Amino acid sequence: MMEPRPARSYLLRINEHLAWCLIGTDLTCAWLEKLARILGLERGYSSTLPGLLFVPRADEADGRGDEPPLGDMAARTGLPEGGWKVDRLRPVRMWTHPEARDIVFELPDSREPVLDAVSMFHAVFPIYRNATHIGGMPLHAALVERHGRAALLCGASGTGKSTCCRRFPQEWNVLADDETLVLPGRSGSYLAHPFPTWSDYWLEGTGRTRKVERAVPLASLLFLEHSETPGLVPMGQGEAAARINRSALQIYERSGLHLERPLHARMRVRVFDNSCRLARSLPAFMLRTSLSSPFWEDVEKTFPELPEDR
């Protein structure tokens, strides 16, 4: 029997290990359309990819026990009838099952942009979690690119990422200004994927579209610091690993690392290991900037030379 097509679906393919079919119902398709637009996704459907299923939130007191409110989604191939585990990520409930590839998200019945944005932020948690298993992680960092070479500008809120992004000359591409997914490539290389600045959507209601499937080769890591004496300072691998780890945890802790203590501990170990590998693979620097310094010249110094540079 052929599986019925959902009301709305999109394909998300970051790499061969990180690929999903995002599926909505009649009641969640408007929310899903907005999420797909923010992530730069195209319409499509696959019954072979694991699914992120977005369903309307049911009353917690309805007595349904350990089963998510699948409704028409119950026809999705391979979904177990019981034994689901729920994690409450306000305002979302996330259902997982040890024998199912699909993840079910219950979305609140709300037209408030803030709740929509928070729900979208939690919806990318499976991407970040699976990225950790293959050696990657999200970082609290801006992503800038020029001539096919990219750098991360890392720093907590208030360190100047957004200000620096606004000051880059026109020949630079600012692909993300707050959040970037870093994944291992071939032969010790790393690729970076731009992700949205979620606070734009819950503070202002609008934000830039990010093509999250787009990958750029990562050349360097830069940690921002305000200074009256601007410049570039090389950083040792130990300090770089600690700073990378801190940057990643800033994202994980707000996206679901706090779900439960065993998960918390396992994820922290993986994040630290991945941070150490990244610090060994790429050069890291402290980038000291002022309000008037041409810091982008220092950023370009961290890039390997191209033939036309010589």
C-alpha atoms as a PDB file:
ATOM      1  CA  MET A   1       0.000   0.000   0.000  1.00  0.00           C
ATOM      2  CA  MET A   2       1.410   3.388  -0.976  1.00  0.00           C
ATOM      3  CA  GLU A   3       2.043   5.788   1.874  1.00  0.00           C
ATOM      4  CA  PRO A   4      -0.124   8.941   1.589  1.00  0.00           C
ATOM      5  CA  ARG A   5       1.679  12.207   0.883  1.00  0.00           C
ATOM      6  CA  PRO A   6       1.618  14.739   3.730  1.00  0.00           C
ATOM      7  CA  ALA A   7      -0.005  18.181   3.610  1.00  0.00           C
ATOM      8  CA  ARG A   8       3.397  19.866   3.328  1.00  0.00           C
ATOM      9  CA  SER A   9       6.978  18.565   3.304  1.00  0.00           C
ATOM     10  CA  TYR A  10      10.524  19.796   2.695  1.00  0.00           C
ATOM     11  CA  LEU A  11      13.901  18.118   2.301  1.00  0.00           C
ATOM     12  CA  LEU A  12      16.900  19.044   4.423  1.00  0.00           C
ATOM     13  CA  ARG A  13      20.187  17.544   3.223  1.00  0.00           C
ATOM     14  CA  ILE A  14      23.308  18.881   4.922  1.00  0.00           C
ATOM     15  CA  ASN A  15      25.433  15.811   4.142  1.00  0.00           C
ATOM     16  CA  GLU A  16      25.012  12.057   3.834  1.00  0.00           C
ATOM     17  CA  HIS A  17      24.749  11.692   7.613  1.00  0.00           C
ATOM     18  CA  LEU A  18      22.504  14.694   8.258  1.00  0.00           C
ATOM     19  CA  ALA A  19      19.395  14.482   6.098  1.00  0.00           C
ATOM     20  CA  TRP A  20      15.692  14.600   6.973  1.00  0.00           C
ATOM     21  CA  CYS A  21      12.253  14.999   5.514  1.00  0.00           C
ATOM     22  CA  LEU A  22      10.363  17.745   7.375  1.00  0.00           C
ATOM     23  CA  ILE A  23       6.645  16.973   7.384  1.00  0.00           C
ATOM     24  CA  GLY A  24       3.670  19.062   8.459  1.00  0.00           C
ATOM     25  CA  THR A  25      -0.092  18.580   8.770  1.00  0.00           C
ATOM     26  CA  ASP A  26      -2.871  20.900   7.642  1.00  0.00           C
ATOM     27  CA  LEU A  27      -2.665  22.653  11.033  1.00  0.00           C
ATOM     28  CA  THR A  28       1.133  23.009  11.121  1.00  0.00           C
ATOM     29  CA  CYS A  29       1.977  23.640   7.445  1.00  0.00           C
ATOM     30  CA  ALA A  30       2.024  27.458   7.803  1.00  0.00           C
ATOM     31  CA  TRP A  31       4.572  27.161  10.621  1.00  0.00           C
ATOM     32  CA  LEU A  32       6.607  24.659   8.601  1.00  0.00           C
ATOM     33  CA  GLU A  33       6.568  26.904   5.530  1.00  0.00           C
ATOM     34  CA  LYS A  34       8.065  29.699   7.594  1.00  0.00           C
ATOM     35  CA  LEU A  35      10.757  27.410   9.039  1.00  0.00           C
ATOM     36  CA  ALA A  36      11.633  26.117   5.562  1.00  0.00           C
ATOM     37  CA  ARG A  37      11.891  29.678   4.252  1.00  0.00           C
ATOM     38  CA  ILE A  38      14.227  30.653   7.097  1.00  0.00           C
ATOM     39  CA  LEU A  39      16.445  27.596   6.489  1.00  0.00           C
ATOM     40  CA  GLY A  40      16.374  27.993   2.699  1.00  0.00           C
ATOM     41  CA  LEU A  41      14.792  24.584   2.029  1.00  0.00           C
ATOM     42  CA  GLU A  42      13.019  23.300  -1.081  1.00  0.00           C
ATOM     43  CA  ARG A  43       9.739  21.410  -1.256  1.00  0.00           C
ATOM     44  CA  GLY A  44      10.052  17.631  -1.509  1.00  0.00           C
ATOM     45  CA  TYR A  45       9.148  14.353   0.120  1.00  0.00           C
ATOM     46  CA  SER A  46      11.028  11.144   0.915  1.00  0.00           C
ATOM     47  CA  SER A  47       9.770   8.044   2.684  1.00  0.00           C
ATOM     48  CA  THR A  48      13.337   6.734   3.002  1.00  0.00           C
ATOM     49  CA  LEU A  49      14.794   9.661   4.943  1.00  0.00           C
ATOM     50  CA  PRO A  50      14.132   9.954   8.672  1.00  0.00           C
ATOM     51  CA  GLY A  51      11.344  12.414   9.337  1.00  0.00           C
ATOM     52  CA  LEU A  52      10.868  15.404  11.577  1.00  0.00           C
ATOM     53  CA  LEU A  53       7.105  15.323  11.997  1.00  0.00           C
ATOM     54  CA  PHE A  54       5.334  18.482  13.167  1.00  0.00           C
ATOM     55  CA  VAL A  55       1.873  17.923  14.631  1.00  0.00           C
ATOM     56  CA  PRO A  56      -0.574  20.117  16.596  1.00  0.00           C
ATOM     57  CA  ARG A  57      -0.076  19.977  20.322  1.00  0.00           C
ATOM     58  CA  ALA A  58      -2.678  17.909  22.175  1.00  0.00           C
ATOM     59  CA  ASP A  59      -4.000  18.484  25.677  1.00  0.00           C
ATOM     60  CA  GLU A  60      -1.490  17.057  28.167  1.00  0.00           C
ATOM     61  CA  ALA A  61      -4.381  15.833  30.279  1.00  0.00           C
ATOM     62  CA  ASP A  62      -5.945  13.752  27.511  1.00  0.00           C
ATOM     63  CA  GLY A  63      -4.657  10.517  29.051  1.00  0.00           C
ATOM     64  CA  ARG A  64      -2.992   9.185  25.915  1.00  0.00           C
ATOM     65  CA  GLY A  65       0.013   7.829  27.870  1.00  0.00           C
ATOM     66  CA  ASP A  66       3.210   7.201  25.945  1.00  0.00           C
ATOM     67  CA  GLU A  67       1.995   7.886  22.425  1.00  0.00           C
ATOM     68  CA  PRO A  68       2.274  11.202  20.522  1.00  0.00           C
ATOM     69  CA  PRO A  69      -0.853  12.619  18.822  1.00  0.00           C
ATOM     70  CA  LEU A  70       0.057  11.413  15.346  1.00  0.00           C
ATOM     71  CA  GLY A  71      -3.364  11.732  13.708  1.00  0.00           C
ATOM     72  CA  ASP A  72      -2.887  11.345   9.928  1.00  0.00           C
ATOM     73  CA  MET A  73       0.841  10.864  10.551  1.00  0.00           C
ATOM     74  CA  ALA A  74       0.048   7.386  11.899  1.00  0.00           C
ATOM     75  CA  ALA A  75       0.233   6.165   8.296  1.00  0.00           C
ATOM     76  CA  ARG A  76       3.931   7.079   8.139  1.00  0.00           C
ATOM     77  CA  THR A  77       5.792   3.799   7.553  1.00  0.00           C
ATOM     78  CA  GLY A  78       7.436   2.237  10.604  1.00  0.00           C
ATOM     79  CA  LEU A  79       6.023   4.412  13.389  1.00  0.00           C
ATOM     80  CA  PRO A  80       5.536   2.305  16.543  1.00  0.00           C
ATOM     81  CA  GLU A  81       2.217   2.476  18.370  1.00  0.00           C
ATOM     82  CA  GLY A  82       3.667   2.728  21.882  1.00  0.00           C
ATOM     83  CA  GLY A  83       6.859   3.105  23.894  1.00  0.00           C
ATOM     84  CA  TRP A  84       7.563   6.720  22.974  1.00  0.00           C
ATOM     85  CA  LYS A  85       9.539   9.051  25.235  1.00  0.00           C
ATOM     86  CA  VAL A  86       8.622  12.711  25.558  1.00  0.00           C
ATOM     87  CA  ASP A  87      10.932  15.643  26.325  1.00  0.00           C
ATOM     88  CA  ARG A  88       9.276  18.919  27.236  1.00  0.00           C
ATOM     89  CA  LEU A  89      11.023  21.854  25.572  1.00  0.00           C
ATOM     90  CA  ARG A  90       8.673  24.711  26.285  1.00  0.00           C
ATOM     91  CA  PRO A  91       6.595  25.430  24.284  1.00  0.00           C
ATOM     92  CA  VAL A  92       7.339  22.227  22.297  1.00  0.00           C
ATOM     93  CA  ARG A  93       7.090  18.554  23.189  1.00  0.00           C
ATOM     94  CA  MET A  94       9.547  16.275  21.382  1.00  0.00           C
ATOM     95  CA  TRP A  95       8.760  12.551  21.047  1.00  0.00           C
ATOM     96  CA  THR A  96      11.439   9.945  20.297  1.00  0.00           C
ATOM     97  CA  HIS A  97      11.406   6.161  20.158  1.00  0.00           C
ATOM     98  CA  PRO A  98      14.361   3.721  20.360  1.00  0.00           C
ATOM     99  CA  GLU A  99      13.031   1.806  17.339  1.00  0.00           C
ATOM    100  CA  ALA A 100      11.986   4.767  15.187  1.00  0.00           C
ATOM    101  CA  ARG A 101      14.080   7.071  13.014  1.00  0.00           C
ATOM    102  CA  ASP A 102      11.359   9.700  12.977  1.00  0.00           C
ATOM    103  CA  ILE A 103      11.016  12.386  15.642  1.00  0.00           C
ATOM    104  CA  VAL A 104       7.641  13.937  16.441  1.00  0.00           C
ATOM    105  CA  PHE A 105       7.318  17.560  17.544  1.00  0.00           C
ATOM    106  CA  GLU A 106       4.101  18.819  19.099  1.00  0.00           C
ATOM    107  CA  LEU A 107       3.694  22.510  18.330  1.00  0.00           C
ATOM    108  CA  PRO A 108       1.623  24.925  20.416  1.00  0.00           C
ATOM    109  CA  ASP A 109      -1.516  26.466  18.962  1.00  0.00           C
ATOM    110  CA  SER A 110      -0.175  30.001  18.815  1.00  0.00           C
ATOM    111  CA  ARG A 111       0.063  32.931  16.431  1.00  0.00           C
ATOM    112  CA  GLU A 112       2.683  34.692  18.502  1.00  0.00           C
ATOM    113  CA  PRO A 113       5.962  35.201  16.571  1.00  0.00           C
ATOM    114  CA  VAL A 114       7.994  34.656  19.743  1.00  0.00           C
ATOM    115  CA  LEU A 115       6.530  31.184  20.391  1.00  0.00           C
ATOM    116  CA  ASP A 116       6.886  30.283  16.719  1.00  0.00           C
ATOM    117  CA  ALA A 117      10.559  31.288  16.747  1.00  0.00           C
ATOM    118  CA  VAL A 118      11.320  29.404  19.976  1.00  0.00           C
ATOM    119  CA  SER A 119       9.610  26.309  18.533  1.00  0.00           C
ATOM    120  CA  MET A 120      11.748  26.581  15.387  1.00  0.00           C
ATOM    121  CA  PHE A 121      14.878  26.925  17.451  1.00  0.00           C
ATOM    122  CA  HIS A 122      14.081  23.677  19.300  1.00  0.00           C
ATOM    123  CA  ALA A 123      13.225  21.955  16.003  1.00  0.00           C
ATOM    124  CA  VAL A 124      16.882  22.089  14.884  1.00  0.00           C
ATOM    125  CA  PHE A 125      18.053  20.233  18.010  1.00  0.00           C
ATOM    126  CA  PRO A 126      18.152  16.821  16.207  1.00  0.00           C
ATOM    127  CA  ILE A 127      20.469  18.376  13.596  1.00  0.00           C
ATOM    128  CA  TYR A 128      22.865  19.586  16.267  1.00  0.00           C
ATOM    129  CA  ARG A 129      22.666  16.365  18.262  1.00  0.00           C
ATOM    130  CA  ASN A 130      23.432  14.173  15.247  1.00  0.00           C
ATOM    131  CA  ALA A 131      26.197  16.536  14.164  1.00  0.00           C
ATOM    132  CA  THR A 132      27.908  15.857  17.488  1.00  0.00           C
ATOM    133  CA  HIS A 133      27.901  12.117  16.812  1.00  0.00           C
ATOM    134  CA  ILE A 134      29.888  12.619  13.574  1.00  0.00           C
ATOM    135  CA  GLY A 135      32.454  15.032  15.001  1.00  0.00           C
ATOM    136  CA  GLY A 136      30.735  18.362  14.416  1.00  0.00           C
ATOM    137  CA  MET A 137      28.959  20.975  16.522  1.00  0.00           C
ATOM    138  CA  PRO A 138      27.176  24.301  16.355  1.00  0.00           C
ATOM    139  CA  LEU A 139      29.171  27.329  17.473  1.00  0.00           C
ATOM    140  CA  HIS A 140      28.102  30.730  18.744  1.00  0.00           C
ATOM    141  CA  ALA A 141      29.933  32.374  15.873  1.00  0.00           C
ATOM    142  CA  ALA A 142      29.585  34.504  12.766  1.00  0.00           C
ATOM    143  CA  LEU A 143      30.649  33.028   9.431  1.00  0.00           C
ATOM    144  CA  VAL A 144      32.386  35.197   6.823  1.00  0.00           C
ATOM    145  CA  GLU A 145      33.754  34.200   3.424  1.00  0.00           C
ATOM    146  CA  ARG A 146      35.894  35.663   0.673  1.00  0.00           C
ATOM    147  CA  HIS A 147      37.205  33.963  -2.475  1.00  0.00           C
ATOM    148  CA  GLY A 148      35.963  30.580  -1.265  1.00  0.00           C
ATOM    149  CA  ARG A 149      37.760  30.748   2.079  1.00  0.00           C
ATOM    150  CA  ALA A 150      35.861  31.197   5.339  1.00  0.00           C
ATOM    151  CA  ALA A 151      36.542  32.154   8.937  1.00  0.00           C
ATOM    152  CA  LEU A 152      34.519  31.954  12.128  1.00  0.00           C
ATOM    153  CA  LEU A 153      34.257  34.968  14.412  1.00  0.00           C
ATOM    154  CA  CYS A 154      33.490  33.415  17.783  1.00  0.00           C
ATOM    155  CA  GLY A 155      32.188  35.178  20.842  1.00  0.00           C
ATOM    156  CA  ALA A 156      29.353  35.378  23.319  1.00  0.00           C
ATOM    157  CA  SER A 157      26.625  38.000  22.985  1.00  0.00           C
ATOM    158  CA  GLY A 158      28.050  41.486  23.347  1.00  0.00           C
ATOM    159  CA  THR A 159      31.554  40.696  22.070  1.00  0.00           C
ATOM    160  CA  GLY A 160      30.976  42.469  18.748  1.00  0.00           C
ATOM    161  CA  LYS A 161      30.055  39.755  16.223  1.00  0.00           C
ATOM    162  CA  SER A 162      27.136  41.702  14.763  1.00  0.00           C
ATOM    163  CA  THR A 163      29.080  44.975  14.734  1.00  0.00           C
ATOM    164  CA  CYS A 164      31.984  43.343  12.903  1.00  0.00           C
ATOM    165  CA  CYS A 165      29.618  41.734  10.402  1.00  0.00           C
ATOM    166  CA  ARG A 166      28.130  45.116   9.542  1.00  0.00           C
ATOM    167  CA  ARG A 167      31.600  46.609   8.987  1.00  0.00           C
ATOM    168  CA  PHE A 168      33.003  44.052   6.519  1.00  0.00           C
ATOM    169  CA  PRO A 169      33.686  45.586   3.076  1.00  0.00           C
ATOM    170  CA  GLN A 170      31.395  44.717   0.185  1.00  0.00           C
ATOM    171  CA  GLU A 171      33.720  42.060  -1.261  1.00  0.00           C
ATOM    172  CA  TRP A 172      33.198  39.919   1.847  1.00  0.00           C
ATOM    173  CA  ASN A 173      30.181  37.613   2.239  1.00  0.00           C
ATOM    174  CA  VAL A 174      28.649  37.512   5.711  1.00  0.00           C
ATOM    175  CA  LEU A 175      26.896  34.137   5.664  1.00  0.00           C
ATOM    176  CA  ALA A 176      25.832  34.067   9.335  1.00  0.00           C
ATOM    177  CA  ASP A 177      26.208  36.542  12.163  1.00  0.00           C
ATOM    178  CA  ASP A 178      25.462  34.480  15.273  1.00  0.00           C
ATOM    179  CA  GLU A 179      25.250  30.715  14.773  1.00  0.00           C
ATOM    180  CA  THR A 180      27.214  28.317  12.540  1.00  0.00           C
ATOM    181  CA  LEU A 181      27.267  24.528  12.236  1.00  0.00           C
ATOM    182  CA  VAL A 182      30.791  23.095  11.820  1.00  0.00           C
ATOM    183  CA  LEU A 183      31.251  19.591  10.396  1.00  0.00           C
ATOM    184  CA  PRO A 184      34.322  17.501   9.587  1.00  0.00           C
ATOM    185  CA  GLY A 185      35.192  17.170   5.914  1.00  0.00           C
ATOM    186  CA  ARG A 186      37.887  15.092   4.267  1.00  0.00           C
ATOM    187  CA  SER A 187      41.503  14.716   5.357  1.00  0.00           C
ATOM    188  CA  GLY A 188      41.169  16.766   8.526  1.00  0.00           C
ATOM    189  CA  SER A 189      39.316  19.657   6.879  1.00  0.00           C
ATOM    190  CA  TYR A 190      36.144  21.271   8.216  1.00  0.00           C
ATOM    191  CA  LEU A 191      33.072  22.708   6.533  1.00  0.00           C
ATOM    192  CA  ALA A 192      30.819  25.425   7.927  1.00  0.00           C
ATOM    193  CA  HIS A 193      27.063  25.843   7.403  1.00  0.00           C
ATOM    194  CA  PRO A 194      25.302  29.150   8.189  1.00  0.00           C
ATOM    195  CA  PHE A 195      22.332  28.977  10.588  1.00  0.00           C
ATOM    196  CA  PRO A 196      19.769  31.647  11.468  1.00  0.00           C
ATOM    197  CA  THR A 197      20.066  34.285  14.149  1.00  0.00           C
ATOM    198  CA  TRP A 198      17.025  33.071  16.048  1.00  0.00           C
ATOM    199  CA  SER A 199      16.824  36.099  18.326  1.00  0.00           C
ATOM    200  CA  ASP A 200      15.971  38.208  15.252  1.00  0.00           C
ATOM    201  CA  TYR A 201      12.719  36.280  14.955  1.00  0.00           C
ATOM    202  CA  TRP A 202      11.623  36.425  18.565  1.00  0.00           C
ATOM    203  CA  LEU A 203      12.796  39.992  19.190  1.00  0.00           C
ATOM    204  CA  GLU A 204      11.934  41.592  15.844  1.00  0.00           C
ATOM    205  CA  GLY A 205       9.745  39.005  14.124  1.00  0.00           C
ATOM    206  CA  THR A 206      11.893  38.954  10.980  1.00  0.00           C
ATOM    207  CA  GLY A 207      15.373  37.880   9.994  1.00  0.00           C
ATOM    208  CA  ARG A 208      17.532  36.838   7.074  1.00  0.00           C
ATOM    209  CA  THR A 209      17.123  33.548   5.255  1.00  0.00           C
ATOM    210  CA  ARG A 210      20.103  31.242   5.712  1.00  0.00           C
ATOM    211  CA  LYS A 211      20.889  28.517   3.190  1.00  0.00           C
ATOM    212  CA  VAL A 212      21.824  25.948   5.819  1.00  0.00           C
ATOM    213  CA  GLU A 213      22.622  23.297   3.199  1.00  0.00           C
ATOM    214  CA  ARG A 214      25.377  25.492   1.782  1.00  0.00           C
ATOM    215  CA  ALA A 215      28.871  24.503   2.942  1.00  0.00           C
ATOM    216  CA  VAL A 216      32.049  26.582   2.815  1.00  0.00           C
ATOM    217  CA  PRO A 217      35.558  25.327   3.652  1.00  0.00           C
ATOM    218  CA  LEU A 218      36.697  26.673   6.996  1.00  0.00           C
ATOM    219  CA  ALA A 219      40.209  28.171   7.141  1.00  0.00           C
ATOM    220  CA  SER A 220      40.486  29.664  10.628  1.00  0.00           C
ATOM    221  CA  LEU A 221      38.898  30.387  13.998  1.00  0.00           C
ATOM    222  CA  LEU A 222      38.994  33.876  15.469  1.00  0.00           C
ATOM    223  CA  PHE A 223      37.910  34.827  18.992  1.00  0.00           C
ATOM    224  CA  LEU A 224      36.844  38.443  19.298  1.00  0.00           C
ATOM    225  CA  GLU A 225      38.146  40.833  21.920  1.00  0.00           C
ATOM    226  CA  HIS A 226      37.648  44.602  22.255  1.00  0.00           C
ATOM    227  CA  SER A 227      40.976  46.390  22.425  1.00  0.00           C
ATOM    228  CA  GLU A 228      42.516  49.827  21.962  1.00  0.00           C
ATOM    229  CA  THR A 229      45.462  48.065  20.297  1.00  0.00           C
ATOM    230  CA  PRO A 230      43.899  46.013  17.470  1.00  0.00           C
ATOM    231  CA  GLY A 231      45.702  43.038  15.992  1.00  0.00           C
ATOM    232  CA  LEU A 232      45.939  39.314  15.545  1.00  0.00           C
ATOM    233  CA  VAL A 233      47.397  37.056  18.245  1.00  0.00           C
ATOM    234  CA  PRO A 234      48.022  33.319  17.589  1.00  0.00           C
ATOM    235  CA  MET A 235      46.360  31.016  20.089  1.00  0.00           C
ATOM    236  CA  GLY A 236      47.594  27.690  21.430  1.00  0.00           C
ATOM    237  CA  GLN A 237      45.600  24.509  20.848  1.00  0.00           C
ATOM    238  CA  GLY A 238      44.700  24.100  24.526  1.00  0.00           C
ATOM    239  CA  GLU A 239      43.206  27.561  24.861  1.00  0.00           C
ATOM    240  CA  ALA A 240      41.497  27.224  21.477  1.00  0.00           C
ATOM    241  CA  ALA A 241      39.888  23.909  22.471  1.00  0.00           C
ATOM    242  CA  ALA A 242      38.565  25.405  25.701  1.00  0.00           C
ATOM    243  CA  ARG A 243      37.108  28.409  23.881  1.00  0.00           C
ATOM    244  CA  ILE A 244      35.570  26.249  21.126  1.00  0.00           C
ATOM    245  CA  ASN A 245      33.994  24.026  23.763  1.00  0.00           C
ATOM    246  CA  ARG A 246      32.541  27.053  25.572  1.00  0.00           C
ATOM    247  CA  SER A 247      31.176  28.465  22.311  1.00  0.00           C
ATOM    248  CA  ALA A 248      29.475  25.166  21.431  1.00  0.00           C
ATOM    249  CA  LEU A 249      27.934  24.727  24.875  1.00  0.00           C
ATOM    250  CA  GLN A 250      26.359  28.178  24.622  1.00  0.00           C
ATOM    251  CA  ILE A 251      24.295  26.780  21.736  1.00  0.00           C
ATOM    252  CA  TYR A 252      23.656  23.283  23.080  1.00  0.00           C
ATOM    253  CA  GLU A 253      22.502  24.429  26.491  1.00  0.00           C
ATOM    254  CA  ARG A 254      19.751  26.556  25.012  1.00  0.00           C
ATOM    255  CA  SER A 255      18.738  24.021  22.366  1.00  0.00           C
ATOM    256  CA  GLY A 256      18.263  20.896  24.447  1.00  0.00           C
ATOM    257  CA  LEU A 257      21.467  19.694  26.120  1.00  0.00           C
ATOM    258  CA  HIS A 258      19.664  20.148  29.427  1.00  0.00           C
ATOM    259  CA  LEU A 259      17.074  17.488  28.549  1.00  0.00           C
ATOM    260  CA  GLU A 260      18.248  14.906  31.057  1.00  0.00           C
ATOM    261  CA  ARG A 261      21.352  14.300  33.122  1.00  0.00           C
ATOM    262  CA  PRO A 262      22.696  11.173  31.273  1.00  0.00           C
ATOM    263  CA  LEU A 263      22.268  12.905  27.904  1.00  0.00           C
ATOM    264  CA  HIS A 264      23.839  16.037  29.344  1.00  0.00           C
ATOM    265  CA  ALA A 265      26.969  14.139  30.419  1.00  0.00           C
ATOM    266  CA  ARG A 266      27.355  12.163  27.166  1.00  0.00           C
ATOM    267  CA  MET A 267      26.879  15.221  24.998  1.00  0.00           C
ATOM    268  CA  ARG A 268      29.377  17.253  27.012  1.00  0.00           C
ATOM    269  CA  VAL A 269      32.054  14.583  26.548  1.00  0.00           C
ATOM    270  CA  ARG A 270      31.434  14.441  22.784  1.00  0.00           C
ATOM    271  CA  VAL A 271      31.425  18.219  22.468  1.00  0.00           C
ATOM    272  CA  PHE A 272      34.741  18.463  24.322  1.00  0.00           C
ATOM    273  CA  ASP A 273      36.340  15.732  22.181  1.00  0.00           C
ATOM    274  CA  ASN A 274      35.115  17.430  19.005  1.00  0.00           C
ATOM    275  CA  SER A 275      36.420  20.780  20.228  1.00  0.00           C
ATOM    276  CA  CYS A 276      39.877  19.309  20.743  1.00  0.00           C
ATOM    277  CA  ARG A 277      39.920  17.807  17.231  1.00  0.00           C
ATOM    278  CA  LEU A 278      38.856  21.100  15.687  1.00  0.00           C
ATOM    279  CA  ALA A 279      41.543  22.992  17.632  1.00  0.00           C
ATOM    280  CA  ARG A 280      44.190  20.557  16.347  1.00  0.00           C
ATOM    281  CA  SER A 281      43.014  20.898  12.752  1.00  0.00           C
ATOM    282  CA  LEU A 282      42.601  24.646  12.246  1.00  0.00           C
ATOM    283  CA  PRO A 283      44.642  27.690  13.277  1.00  0.00           C
ATOM    284  CA  ALA A 284      43.051  29.823  15.985  1.00  0.00           C
ATOM    285  CA  PHE A 285      43.673  33.463  16.867  1.00  0.00           C
ATOM    286  CA  MET A 286      42.564  36.187  19.201  1.00  0.00           C
ATOM    287  CA  LEU A 287      41.224  38.978  16.983  1.00  0.00           C
ATOM    288  CA  ARG A 288      41.496  42.266  18.808  1.00  0.00           C
ATOM    289  CA  THR A 289      39.296  44.950  17.309  1.00  0.00           C
ATOM    290  CA  SER A 290      38.300  48.559  17.901  1.00  0.00           C
ATOM    291  CA  LEU A 291      35.429  50.567  16.451  1.00  0.00           C
ATOM    292  CA  SER A 292      37.654  51.946  13.694  1.00  0.00           C
ATOM    293  CA  SER A 293      40.214  49.207  12.992  1.00  0.00           C
ATOM    294  CA  PRO A 294      40.236  47.508   9.555  1.00  0.00           C
ATOM    295  CA  PHE A 295      40.062  44.100  11.266  1.00  0.00           C
ATOM    296  CA  TRP A 296      39.093  42.310   8.040  1.00  0.00           C
ATOM    297  CA  GLU A 297      42.683  42.701   6.882  1.00  0.00           C
ATOM    298  CA  ASP A 298      43.749  40.596   9.872  1.00  0.00           C
ATOM    299  CA  VAL A 299      41.028  38.041   9.103  1.00  0.00           C
ATOM    300  CA  GLU A 300      42.385  37.617   5.580  1.00  0.00           C
ATOM    301  CA  LYS A 301      45.892  37.037   6.945  1.00  0.00           C
ATOM    302  CA  THR A 302      44.599  33.786   8.484  1.00  0.00           C
ATOM    303  CA  PHE A 303      43.609  32.402   5.066  1.00  0.00           C
ATOM    304  CA  PRO A 304      45.901  30.115   3.057  1.00  0.00           C
ATOM    305  CA  GLU A 305      47.236  31.692  -0.089  1.00  0.00           C
ATOM    306  CA  LEU A 306      45.590  31.149  -3.436  1.00  0.00           C
ATOM    307  CA  PRO A 307      47.730  31.109  -6.611  1.00  0.00           C
ATOM    308  CA  GLU A 308      46.556  34.628  -7.522  1.00  0.00           C
ATOM    309  CA  ASP A 309      47.669  35.858  -4.078  1.00  0.00           C
ATOM    310  CA  ARG A 310      51.290  35.243  -4.939  1.00  0.00           C
END
